[in-house]
Each structure stands twice: as C-alpha cells, then as structure tokens.
C-alpha cells in the first residue's frame, strides 16, 4: 500500500515537473496588444527580457515583454526611427541625431553622428538601419565623407563613398570612431529596404553581400592583403543569384511596388547570429504564398554542404525576426500598402531549440511535422 502511494506520488510529481517543459516546447501565435505600423529594427534587452521595437512611422519604441507577451510604449527623450544595441546601452537613431540610454533605461547623452565632441567631422556620412555591433565594433552599410581620387569612376562633385563600413561605437562615447570602408559599392538597392543583413556570432561580425548579381556571407574584417576577405563557401545555392529590381526607387511613392516585387522573389532577407552559428533568413514564393526558411551555417566549417534548414510555420508577406534565449520571435507583417502602412498584428514564438538544433526539430525542412502555430489563448 505504501509502495503504491509512493509510486502515485512520484508519478504525480513527474507530471508536475514535466508540464512546464512541455509548455515551453510549443510554438504559439500571439496577437499584439499594440500594433506597430512599421518595424525598422528590433533589439533584445537582456536585463528586462523585452524586445524593443522601433516604429519609424509612429516615431516610437514599443516593448514586447517576453515572459507575458504584453506590449507597452517606451518613454524616450526623442522620437527615434531605429534602435541598435551598443556596448553599455542602446543607441536610438533619428536621421543624423542619436539618443543614447544605458541598460538601466536612463539617458546618457544625445549626439550627432556626423560630428565628434570637438565639433569636427567623424567621417560618417550615413548609416542605414540594422547595422549591428559586437563589443565596441560595428558593421553596416552607409557612406563615408571623403573622396577617392584614385578610383576610375571618381566624381569630384561627390564627397562621399558608399559601401560596407566597420568601426567602433560605445554608449559612453556616443561617437563613431575608427571608421573604414571594407568595400566600396554603390549597389545599395536591397540595403535601402532595411533588411537585417548584418549579424554577430561568438567569433565576429558578418554581413550578407548583395552585390554584382550574387549573394554571399562575408566576415567583416580586412584580409592580410588589405582587401575584403573571401566570402564563406556555405550559402544555400537557390539564394545565390540576385537580379536587380525592375521598379525604380523614386522615394515613398514607389515603396508598395518595390515590396510587391520582393514578395515574388526567392532571396535572402536577413542574417542573425547565435552562439557559434549564423542563421540566414530566406524567402521563396511558391506561386501562391511565401515559404520561409532559416539556414544554420557554421562559418568555421570549410564544407559548404553542412547547412541545416528549418521551415518556419508562417506564410506572412514579410517578417521581422528577433532571436531570444528561450524563443525566437517572428513578427508577421502584411502586404505593404505604402511606406509605413502595413498590418503587423501577430508574432510567432518558436522555441529556440527548434532552430538551434535543426536536425531534431519538428520544423526540420526535410520532414516538417508542424506547419502552423496555434493562436495563444491569452491572445484570442
């Protein structure tokens, strides 16, 4: 009798202990309490476990609380259009101006990205959204204010060079220093969309190079010869070819048409880092809807065949992605009606293990067992 009671108590305890693990190993679709009109960038605040979402259309930052899926507005001294985590805090950017706050959400300073504290030029002409950092270093796409007199296509009337930029920045300094052009290129069409083509893993900074009709992943460092290093061999073949957009960029009036063209393409639209791996986000149009994949890539693996793919359980028109400790978050974005006008009503939460361990994942692309995440009860 006592053995039976002990066995029953043990079984009950095992059920109780197992329940949170089962709940944490499920994906869910959550309806957002506050819906942004546009998303330029997302950063995870590890101290509060919140996703900070920059909405440049409303010029505000929203906070998505990871532990309870609640949304709130973040009070800031300015109206930013993008946000980037830097060493010691966050940099909120609005054109050439920046407001920097610490990890405690207290303001540190405001600055102008083009000017240093002495009033001179930093050399930075522009910096497109979704540049990223690792420690004090950053990489992004933008321009440096200088002339390249040795270039064959040098235009003396143009005092800047576009391309991939590396340098340093911290919350305490509020300035960009040590700037260098990793590669000069005016081929900026896909970077104008603000796709997150820049990422950091444990070993360094990387970027997706969408230049010259080819896509690749490149380490953000100089080679011994002083030129940009060779791209990684690992890259999904069906995403390598990059054809130019047919719709000319004429400003906000062409936004809807250009995004509509993106929706019909097979192409890479994001890069993320977690641990030693990189994760390339790719979209495919199957004639009716969009299929989304994440490809796990080890930059140190010389064998390009070692690429693992998971198929994401969403058919959203567009996605904004934020890796987290327990979950990865995929904000589902609707059809672009015009700049700053699209429906962003839901976020799909996928357990991190489903992505970081793709071979055992229920969304492994070779044999996906799950195609859709149920709507969270709290969000119905």
Protein backbone atom coordinates (compact mmCIF):
# COMPACT_ATOMS: atom_id res chain seq x y z
CA UNK A 1 0.00 0.00 0.00
CA UNK A 2 2.77 2.39 0.94
CA UNK A 3 4.63 1.42 -2.25
CA UNK A 4 1.54 2.21 -4.32
CA UNK A 5 1.13 5.59 -2.63
CA UNK A 6 4.80 6.35 -3.19
CA UNK A 7 4.53 5.29 -6.82
CA UNK A 8 1.44 7.50 -7.29
CA UNK A 9 3.08 10.47 -5.59
CA UNK A 10 6.20 10.02 -7.70
CA UNK A 11 4.14 9.85 -10.89
CA UNK A 12 2.22 12.99 -9.94
CA UNK A 13 5.45 14.82 -9.19
CA UNK A 14 6.89 13.78 -12.54
CA UNK A 15 3.80 15.13 -14.30
CA UNK A 16 4.10 18.44 -12.48
CA UNK A 17 7.77 18.70 -13.30
CA UNK A 18 7.18 17.81 -16.93
CA UNK A 19 4.32 20.24 -17.55
CA UNK A 20 6.41 23.44 -17.79
CA UNK A 21 8.86 21.69 -20.09
CA UNK A 22 6.06 20.66 -22.45
CA UNK A 23 4.58 24.17 -22.42
CA UNK A 24 7.97 25.71 -23.12
CA UNK A 25 8.47 23.36 -26.06
CA UNK A 26 5.50 24.59 -28.05
CA UNK A 27 5.21 27.36 -30.59
CA UNK A 28 2.43 29.91 -30.41
CA UNK A 29 0.98 32.80 -32.36
CA UNK A 30 0.34 35.84 -30.18
CA UNK A 31 -1.84 38.80 -31.09
CA UNK A 32 -0.09 42.08 -30.30
CA UNK A 33 -1.84 44.38 -27.85
CA UNK A 34 -0.29 47.42 -29.52
CA UNK A 35 0.29 47.06 -33.23
CA UNK A 36 3.17 48.93 -34.85
CA UNK A 37 2.62 50.44 -38.28
CA UNK A 38 6.17 49.64 -39.41
CA UNK A 39 9.25 47.94 -37.93
CA UNK A 40 12.71 49.20 -38.76
CA UNK A 41 14.69 47.28 -36.12
CA UNK A 42 14.31 45.10 -33.02
CA UNK A 43 16.71 44.62 -30.11
CA UNK A 44 16.50 42.31 -27.10
CA UNK A 45 17.04 43.94 -23.71
CA UNK A 46 18.58 41.08 -21.71
CA UNK A 47 18.08 42.87 -18.40
CA UNK A 48 14.29 43.14 -18.70
CA UNK A 49 13.76 40.31 -21.22
CA UNK A 50 11.93 42.70 -23.50
CA UNK A 51 12.04 43.12 -27.24
CA UNK A 52 12.45 46.81 -28.08
CA UNK A 53 10.73 47.53 -31.39
CA UNK A 54 11.39 50.74 -33.33
CA UNK A 55 8.41 52.03 -35.33
CA UNK A 56 9.67 54.87 -37.58
CA UNK A 57 6.17 55.60 -38.87
CA UNK A 58 4.86 56.45 -35.39
CA UNK A 59 8.35 57.50 -34.27
CA UNK A 60 8.08 55.49 -31.09
CA UNK A 61 9.59 52.42 -29.46
CA UNK A 62 7.42 49.57 -28.20
CA UNK A 63 8.43 46.93 -25.66
CA UNK A 64 7.23 43.34 -26.01
CA UNK A 65 7.59 41.54 -22.67
CA UNK A 66 8.80 38.02 -23.40
CA UNK A 67 7.51 36.41 -20.19
CA UNK A 68 3.88 37.52 -20.55
CA UNK A 69 3.52 38.72 -24.17
CA UNK A 70 2.40 42.17 -23.06
CA UNK A 71 3.13 45.34 -25.02
CA UNK A 72 3.93 48.83 -23.77
CA UNK A 73 5.36 52.11 -25.04
CA UNK A 74 8.88 53.13 -24.03
CA UNK A 75 9.33 56.70 -22.82
CA UNK A 76 12.28 58.31 -24.57
CA UNK A 77 13.68 61.84 -24.77
CA UNK A 78 13.43 61.77 -28.58
CA UNK A 79 11.41 60.22 -31.41
CA UNK A 80 13.71 57.59 -32.93
CA UNK A 81 13.43 55.79 -36.24
CA UNK A 82 15.70 52.85 -35.35
CA UNK A 83 17.39 51.20 -32.39
CA UNK A 84 20.72 49.37 -32.04
CA UNK A 85 22.29 47.72 -29.01
CA UNK A 86 25.77 49.10 -28.35
CA UNK A 87 28.26 48.34 -25.60
CA UNK A 88 26.76 49.77 -22.40
CA UNK A 89 23.28 50.56 -23.68
CA UNK A 90 21.17 51.37 -26.71
CA UNK A 91 21.52 53.94 -29.46
CA UNK A 92 18.24 55.38 -30.75
CA UNK A 93 18.78 57.00 -34.13
CA UNK A 94 16.76 59.67 -35.90
CA UNK A 95 18.50 60.67 -39.15
CA UNK A 96 21.85 62.15 -38.03
CA UNK A 97 20.88 62.55 -34.37
CA UNK A 98 21.08 59.92 -31.66
CA UNK A 99 19.85 59.49 -28.11
CA UNK A 100 21.79 57.02 -26.03
CA UNK A 101 20.39 55.32 -22.94
CA UNK A 102 22.02 52.86 -20.57
CA UNK A 103 20.88 49.34 -19.78
CA UNK A 104 19.04 50.89 -16.84
CA UNK A 105 16.97 52.96 -19.34
CA UNK A 106 18.47 56.19 -18.02
CA UNK A 107 19.59 58.77 -20.62
CA UNK A 108 23.35 59.01 -21.11
CA UNK A 109 23.67 61.64 -23.82
CA UNK A 110 22.49 62.94 -27.16
CA UNK A 111 24.85 63.31 -30.08
CA UNK A 112 25.13 63.97 -33.77
CA UNK A 113 26.53 61.02 -35.70
CA UNK A 114 28.38 63.19 -38.19
CA UNK A 115 30.20 65.31 -35.60
CA UNK A 116 32.59 64.48 -32.78
CA UNK A 117 32.66 66.17 -29.37
CA UNK A 118 35.19 68.72 -30.60
CA UNK A 119 32.85 69.80 -33.36
CA UNK A 120 34.81 68.17 -36.16
CA UNK A 121 33.60 65.53 -38.59
CA UNK A 122 33.54 61.86 -37.62
CA UNK A 123 33.74 60.99 -41.30
CA UNK A 124 30.39 59.20 -41.24
CA UNK A 125 28.06 60.33 -43.98
CA UNK A 126 25.16 57.92 -43.47
CA UNK A 127 24.38 54.61 -41.81
CA UNK A 128 21.44 52.52 -42.98
CA UNK A 129 19.24 50.77 -40.39
CA UNK A 130 20.03 47.32 -38.98
CA UNK A 131 23.77 47.81 -38.59
CA UNK A 132 24.98 45.69 -35.71
CA UNK A 133 27.65 45.51 -33.03
CA UNK A 134 29.86 43.06 -31.19
CA UNK A 135 31.55 44.61 -28.18
CA UNK A 136 32.80 48.01 -29.29
CA UNK A 137 32.90 47.10 -33.01
CA UNK A 138 30.14 47.63 -35.54
CA UNK A 139 29.46 46.85 -39.20
CA UNK A 140 26.82 48.27 -41.52
CA UNK A 141 26.09 49.78 -44.89
CA UNK A 142 26.36 53.53 -45.40
CA UNK A 143 28.74 56.21 -46.58
CA UNK A 144 31.97 57.87 -45.53
CA UNK A 145 32.59 61.54 -46.23
CA UNK A 146 35.70 61.53 -48.37
CA UNK A 147 36.84 61.41 -51.97
CA UNK A 148 38.59 58.53 -53.64
CA UNK A 149 40.86 60.29 -56.09
CA UNK A 150 42.33 57.02 -57.35
CA UNK A 151 39.02 55.44 -58.36
CA UNK A 152 38.33 55.29 -62.10
CA UNK A 153 34.75 56.46 -61.61
CA UNK A 154 35.69 59.24 -59.18
CA UNK A 155 33.30 62.17 -59.33
CA UNK A 156 34.93 65.32 -57.91
CA UNK A 157 31.49 66.75 -57.14
CA UNK A 158 30.63 63.81 -54.89
CA UNK A 159 32.26 63.94 -51.48
CA UNK A 160 31.32 60.51 -50.17
CA UNK A 161 31.75 56.80 -50.79
CA UNK A 162 29.04 54.20 -50.29
CA UNK A 163 29.77 50.70 -49.09
CA UNK A 164 30.25 48.39 -46.14
CA UNK A 165 31.58 50.23 -43.10
CA UNK A 166 33.34 48.99 -39.98
CA UNK A 167 34.32 50.97 -36.90
CA UNK A 168 33.75 51.34 -33.16
CA UNK A 169 30.99 52.86 -31.04
CA UNK A 170 30.00 52.69 -27.36
CA UNK A 171 27.22 54.10 -25.23
CA UNK A 172 29.72 56.01 -23.09
CA UNK A 173 31.34 57.77 -26.06
CA UNK A 174 28.27 58.23 -28.24
CA UNK A 175 30.55 58.57 -31.25
CA UNK A 176 31.58 56.53 -34.25
CA UNK A 177 35.36 56.24 -34.46
CA UNK A 178 37.97 54.24 -36.36
CA UNK A 179 35.80 54.20 -39.48
CA UNK A 180 36.95 52.27 -42.51
CA UNK A 181 35.35 51.19 -45.75
CA UNK A 182 35.57 47.41 -46.02
CA UNK A 183 34.31 47.52 -49.58
CA UNK A 184 33.13 50.43 -51.69
CA UNK A 185 29.95 49.77 -53.68
CA UNK A 186 27.01 51.85 -54.86
CA UNK A 187 24.95 48.66 -55.25
CA UNK A 188 22.66 49.60 -52.36
CA UNK A 189 19.21 48.65 -53.68
CA UNK A 190 18.48 45.84 -51.20
CA UNK A 191 20.05 47.70 -48.25
CA UNK A 192 17.55 50.52 -48.70
CA UNK A 193 14.83 48.13 -47.53
CA UNK A 194 16.49 47.91 -44.12
CA UNK A 195 16.76 44.13 -44.24
CA UNK A 196 18.94 42.91 -41.32
CA UNK A 197 21.92 41.83 -43.40
CA UNK A 198 24.44 42.31 -40.55
CA UNK A 199 24.99 39.90 -37.67
CA UNK A 200 27.40 38.90 -34.91
CA UNK A 201 28.16 35.48 -33.50
CA UNK A 202 30.68 34.40 -30.86
CA UNK A 203 33.56 34.80 -33.29
CA UNK A 204 32.91 38.09 -35.02
CA UNK A 205 30.84 40.27 -37.33
CA UNK A 206 29.45 39.19 -40.70
CA UNK A 207 27.30 40.64 -43.46
CA UNK A 208 25.29 39.47 -46.45
CA UNK A 209 26.87 40.85 -49.60
CA UNK A 210 24.17 41.51 -52.23
CA UNK A 211 26.43 42.91 -54.92
CA UNK A 212 27.05 42.18 -58.61
CA UNK A 213 24.16 39.79 -59.02
CA UNK A 214 25.45 37.37 -56.37
CA UNK A 215 24.67 36.88 -52.68
CA UNK A 216 27.19 35.64 -50.12
CA UNK A 217 28.15 35.94 -46.46
CA UNK A 218 31.37 37.82 -45.75
CA UNK A 219 33.34 38.23 -42.49
CA UNK A 220 33.55 41.93 -41.58
CA UNK A 221 37.31 42.18 -41.39
CA UNK A 222 40.24 43.02 -43.61
CA UNK A 223 42.31 40.26 -45.16
CA UNK A 224 46.10 40.22 -44.87
CA UNK A 225 46.32 41.93 -48.26
CA UNK A 226 44.15 44.78 -47.05
CA UNK A 227 41.11 43.88 -49.14
CA UNK A 228 37.78 42.43 -48.06
CA UNK A 229 38.11 38.73 -47.16
CA UNK A 230 36.75 35.88 -49.23
CA UNK A 231 33.06 35.07 -48.72
CA UNK A 232 32.09 31.94 -46.81
CA UNK A 233 31.66 28.90 -49.02
CA UNK A 234 28.48 27.98 -47.20
CA UNK A 235 25.39 29.57 -48.77
CA UNK A 236 22.16 27.92 -49.98
CA UNK A 237 22.53 27.66 -53.75
CA UNK A 238 18.99 28.65 -54.66
CA UNK A 239 19.53 32.02 -52.95
CA UNK A 240 22.84 32.93 -54.57
CA UNK A 241 21.55 34.62 -57.73
CA UNK A 242 20.35 38.20 -57.18
CA UNK A 243 18.67 40.04 -60.05
CA UNK A 244 18.08 43.77 -59.96
CA UNK A 245 14.67 45.13 -59.08
CA UNK A 246 12.62 46.31 -62.03
CA UNK A 247 10.88 49.03 -60.01
CA UNK A 248 13.00 52.16 -59.73
CA UNK A 249 13.39 53.72 -56.31
CA UNK A 250 11.64 57.09 -56.52
CA UNK A 251 11.09 57.54 -52.78
CA UNK A 252 7.99 56.72 -50.70
CA UNK A 253 5.74 56.67 -53.78
CA UNK A 254 7.50 53.53 -55.06
CA UNK A 255 7.53 51.66 -51.73
CA UNK A 256 4.45 49.47 -52.31
CA UNK A 257 5.53 48.43 -55.81
CA UNK A 258 9.08 47.59 -54.72
CA UNK A 259 7.90 45.48 -51.76
CA UNK A 260 5.38 43.75 -54.03
CA UNK A 261 8.28 42.79 -56.29
CA UNK A 262 10.22 41.43 -53.30
CA UNK A 263 7.24 39.23 -52.40
CA UNK A 264 7.52 37.34 -55.70
CA UNK A 265 11.21 36.55 -55.25
CA UNK A 266 13.41 33.81 -53.87
CA UNK A 267 16.11 35.67 -51.96
CA UNK A 268 17.95 36.12 -48.66
CA UNK A 269 16.44 38.83 -46.48
CA UNK A 270 18.25 38.55 -43.15
CA UNK A 271 21.21 37.27 -41.16
CA UNK A 272 21.33 36.50 -37.43
CA UNK A 273 23.96 35.19 -35.05
CA UNK A 274 23.57 32.86 -32.07
CA UNK A 275 26.47 31.08 -30.39
CA UNK A 276 28.97 29.89 -32.98
CA UNK A 277 26.39 29.79 -35.77
CA UNK A 278 24.91 32.17 -38.30
CA UNK A 279 21.30 31.92 -39.44
CA UNK A 280 20.33 33.09 -42.91
CA UNK A 281 16.68 34.03 -43.45
CA UNK A 282 15.35 33.17 -46.91
CA UNK A 283 12.01 33.64 -48.62
CA UNK A 284 10.53 31.69 -51.57
CA UNK A 285 7.35 32.47 -53.48
CA UNK A 286 5.60 29.23 -54.45
CA UNK A 287 3.08 30.88 -56.75
CA UNK A 288 0.51 31.47 -54.02
CA UNK A 289 2.21 32.18 -50.70
CA UNK A 290 5.66 32.77 -49.23
CA UNK A 291 7.70 29.91 -47.79
CA UNK A 292 10.17 31.00 -45.10
CA UNK A 293 13.36 29.19 -44.07
CA UNK A 294 16.24 29.66 -41.66
CA UNK A 295 19.57 28.11 -42.65
CA UNK A 296 22.07 27.27 -39.91
CA UNK A 297 25.63 27.95 -41.06
CA UNK A 298 28.91 27.34 -39.23
CA UNK A 299 31.37 29.98 -40.51
CA UNK A 300 34.33 27.82 -39.47
CA UNK A 301 33.15 24.76 -41.37
CA UNK A 302 35.02 24.60 -44.70
CA UNK A 303 32.49 22.12 -46.10
CA UNK A 304 29.70 24.12 -47.72
CA UNK A 305 27.39 21.10 -47.67
CA UNK A 306 26.89 21.37 -43.90
CA UNK A 307 23.88 23.68 -43.98
CA UNK A 308 20.82 22.84 -41.88
CA UNK A 309 17.39 24.22 -42.79
CA UNK A 310 14.20 24.70 -40.80
CA UNK A 311 10.94 25.67 -42.45
CA UNK A 312 9.19 28.40 -40.48
CA UNK A 313 5.48 27.89 -39.70
CA UNK A 314 4.29 31.15 -41.26
CA UNK A 315 3.22 32.42 -44.68
CA UNK A 316 3.39 36.12 -43.80
CA UNK A 317 4.12 38.60 -46.57
CA UNK A 318 7.16 39.87 -44.62
CA UNK A 319 8.89 39.04 -41.33
CA UNK A 320 10.86 40.88 -38.68
CA UNK A 321 12.96 38.45 -36.62
CA UNK A 322 14.39 38.63 -33.10
CA UNK A 323 16.40 35.74 -31.56
CA UNK A 324 15.88 35.21 -27.85
CA UNK A 325 17.18 32.89 -25.16
CA UNK A 326 14.08 30.69 -24.90
CA UNK A 327 12.24 31.64 -28.08
CA UNK A 328 12.83 33.21 -31.44
CA UNK A 329 10.22 35.81 -32.36
CA UNK A 330 8.83 36.29 -35.87
CA UNK A 331 6.68 39.39 -36.26
CA UNK A 332 4.28 38.74 -39.13
CA UNK A 333 3.98 41.73 -41.42
CA UNK A 334 1.25 42.10 -44.00
CA UNK A 335 1.16 43.44 -47.52
CA UNK A 336 2.81 46.84 -47.87
CA UNK A 337 0.18 49.36 -48.91
CA UNK A 338 2.58 52.31 -48.77
CA UNK A 339 5.57 53.35 -46.68
CA UNK A 340 4.67 52.93 -43.01
CA UNK A 341 1.36 51.27 -43.81
CA UNK A 342 1.04 47.53 -43.30
CA UNK A 343 -0.74 45.29 -40.80
CA UNK A 344 1.50 43.93 -38.03
CA UNK A 345 -0.93 42.14 -35.74
CA UNK A 346 0.78 38.92 -34.64
CA UNK A 347 4.10 37.45 -33.58
CA UNK A 348 5.01 33.76 -33.86
CA UNK A 349 7.04 32.41 -30.92
CA UNK A 350 9.18 29.39 -31.81
CA UNK A 351 11.22 27.55 -29.15
CA UNK A 352 14.90 28.36 -29.61
CA UNK A 353 15.82 24.68 -29.63
CA UNK A 354 13.71 24.10 -32.72
CA UNK A 355 16.06 26.46 -34.58
CA UNK A 356 19.42 25.89 -32.92
CA UNK A 357 19.05 22.07 -33.09
CA UNK A 358 17.56 21.75 -36.57
CA UNK A 359 18.13 18.01 -37.07
CA UNK A 360 15.80 17.11 -34.17
CA UNK A 361 13.38 19.97 -34.84
CA UNK A 362 9.69 19.44 -35.69
CA UNK A 363 10.16 22.12 -38.35
CA UNK A 364 13.21 20.50 -39.98
CA UNK A 365 12.83 21.23 -43.69
CA UNK A 366 13.42 17.61 -44.73
CA UNK A 367 10.47 16.31 -42.71
CA UNK A 368 8.47 19.15 -41.14
CA UNK A 369 5.91 17.88 -38.67
CA UNK A 370 4.39 21.28 -37.91
CA UNK A 371 3.13 23.84 -40.40
CA UNK A 372 1.28 26.33 -38.21
CA UNK A 373 1.44 27.57 -34.61
CA UNK A 374 -1.84 27.76 -32.73
CA UNK A 375 -3.14 31.09 -31.52
CA UNK A 376 -2.28 31.69 -27.88
CA UNK A 377 -5.32 31.51 -25.62
CA UNK A 378 -4.37 34.80 -23.97
CA UNK A 379 -4.43 36.43 -27.38
CA UNK A 380 -7.69 35.06 -28.72
